[in-house]
Amino acid sequence: TGISSPYEAPEDPEIRIDTTQLTAEEAAEQIIDYLSRS
């Protein structure tokens, strides 16, 4: 849980953004769409 601890990916995230396939603008649009539906 500290800054030196390894990253642990969530087991069941609410949203997944594939940044290898999307531009920053497309990723932001997906996040905004998700938030507006929540």
Protein backbone atom coordinates (compact mmCIF):
# COMPACT_ATOMS: atom_id res chain seq x y z
CA THR A 1 0.00 0.00 0.00
CA GLY A 2 3.02 2.28 0.11
CA ILE A 3 4.77 4.03 -2.74
CA SER A 4 7.33 1.23 -2.97
CA SER A 5 4.69 -1.52 -3.13
CA PRO A 6 4.13 -3.21 -6.49
CA TYR A 7 1.05 -2.26 -8.51
CA GLU A 8 -1.85 -4.66 -8.07
CA ALA A 9 -4.40 -4.50 -10.88
CA PRO A 10 -8.03 -4.66 -9.75
CA GLU A 11 -9.68 -8.04 -10.20
CA ASP A 12 -13.00 -6.65 -11.44
CA PRO A 13 -12.68 -3.02 -12.64
CA GLU A 14 -15.82 -1.02 -13.44
CA ILE A 15 -14.34 0.18 -16.74
CA ARG A 16 -11.46 -0.91 -18.96
CA ILE A 17 -9.75 1.47 -21.36
CA ASP A 18 -7.46 -0.13 -23.96
CA THR A 19 -4.89 2.62 -24.39
CA THR A 20 -2.99 0.53 -26.93
CA GLN A 21 -5.91 0.79 -29.37
CA LEU A 22 -7.40 4.22 -28.60
CA THR A 23 -6.19 7.77 -28.90
CA ALA A 24 -6.21 9.91 -25.77
CA GLU A 25 -9.32 11.67 -27.06
CA GLU A 26 -11.15 8.36 -27.67
CA ALA A 27 -10.18 7.08 -24.23
CA ALA A 28 -11.39 10.30 -22.62
CA GLU A 29 -14.68 10.03 -24.52
CA GLN A 30 -15.21 6.48 -23.24
CA ILE A 31 -14.56 7.61 -19.67
CA ILE A 32 -16.92 10.57 -19.98
CA ASP A 33 -19.62 8.35 -21.51
CA TYR A 34 -19.22 5.87 -18.67
CA LEU A 35 -19.41 8.58 -16.01
CA SER A 36 -22.49 10.15 -17.57
CA ARG A 37 -24.32 6.79 -17.41
CA SER A 38 -23.36 6.17 -13.78
